[in-house]
Amino acid sequence: MAEIRRETPEDILEIRNVNDRAFGRPDEGAVSEQLREACEGLVSFVAVVEGLVVGHVLFSPVGSR
């Protein structure tokens, strides 16, 4: 069974790998990293099985400032 928890800095490389594999190209992993750097209020969770990140979901604010 997967553990769902907030991402940690140690998860970043695994998150990129999960996103790249899920979408079949490296652009998707880069988008998550750019959002993480640029957005306040970002919420990001990982699914972990046996110590490995196997899923990722990221919520970012949408709207104009």
Protein backbone atom coordinates (compact mmCIF):
# COMPACT_ATOMS: atom_id res chain seq x y z
CA MET A 1 0.00 0.00 0.00
CA ALA A 2 1.26 3.48 -0.85
CA GLU A 3 2.01 6.16 1.71
CA ILE A 4 0.78 9.63 0.64
CA ARG A 5 2.72 12.57 2.06
CA ARG A 6 3.96 16.05 1.24
CA GLU A 7 7.06 16.16 -0.91
CA THR A 8 10.41 16.81 0.71
CA PRO A 9 13.56 18.27 -0.87
CA GLU A 10 14.96 14.73 -1.00
CA ASP A 11 12.07 13.71 -3.31
CA ILE A 12 12.78 16.23 -6.09
CA LEU A 13 14.89 13.98 -8.33
CA GLU A 14 12.48 11.06 -7.97
CA ILE A 15 9.52 13.38 -8.70
CA ARG A 16 11.20 14.52 -11.90
CA ASN A 17 11.81 10.92 -12.92
CA VAL A 18 8.18 9.93 -12.21
CA ASN A 19 6.85 12.87 -14.23
CA ASP A 20 9.24 12.29 -17.13
CA ARG A 21 8.30 8.60 -17.30
CA ALA A 22 4.57 9.27 -16.94
CA PHE A 23 4.48 11.77 -19.81
CA GLY A 24 7.27 10.26 -21.92
CA ARG A 25 9.40 13.39 -22.18
CA PRO A 26 11.64 15.52 -19.96
CA ASP A 27 9.56 18.69 -20.31
CA GLU A 28 7.01 17.57 -17.70
CA GLY A 29 9.58 17.15 -14.94
CA ALA A 30 10.94 20.59 -15.73
CA VAL A 31 7.48 22.17 -15.41
CA SER A 32 7.13 20.89 -11.84
CA GLU A 33 10.52 22.29 -10.95
CA GLN A 34 9.74 25.68 -12.49
CA LEU A 35 6.42 25.89 -10.64
CA ARG A 36 8.10 24.93 -7.38
CA GLU A 37 10.56 27.82 -7.79
CA ALA A 38 8.05 30.42 -9.00
CA CYS A 39 4.82 29.85 -7.07
CA GLU A 40 3.82 30.67 -3.57
CA GLY A 41 1.08 28.49 -2.16
CA LEU A 42 2.15 25.39 -4.06
CA VAL A 43 0.98 22.06 -2.63
CA SER A 44 2.79 18.91 -3.71
CA PHE A 45 2.26 15.31 -2.59
CA VAL A 46 4.03 12.07 -3.41
CA ALA A 47 2.95 8.45 -3.25
CA VAL A 48 5.69 6.25 -1.84
CA VAL A 49 5.92 2.45 -2.00
CA GLU A 50 8.78 0.65 -0.29
CA GLY A 51 10.74 3.90 -0.06
CA LEU A 52 10.37 4.84 -3.73
CA VAL A 53 8.32 7.72 -5.12
CA VAL A 54 5.80 6.14 -7.50
CA GLY A 55 3.34 9.02 -7.95
CA HIS A 56 3.14 12.79 -7.72
CA VAL A 57 0.42 15.40 -7.66
CA LEU A 58 1.03 19.14 -7.63
CA PHE A 59 -1.50 21.92 -7.08
CA SER A 60 -0.58 25.50 -7.93
CA PRO A 61 -2.56 28.71 -7.68
CA VAL A 62 -4.19 29.95 -10.88
CA GLY A 63 -5.22 33.49 -11.61
CA SER A 64 -3.94 36.96 -12.32
CA ARG A 65 -2.19 39.20 -9.88
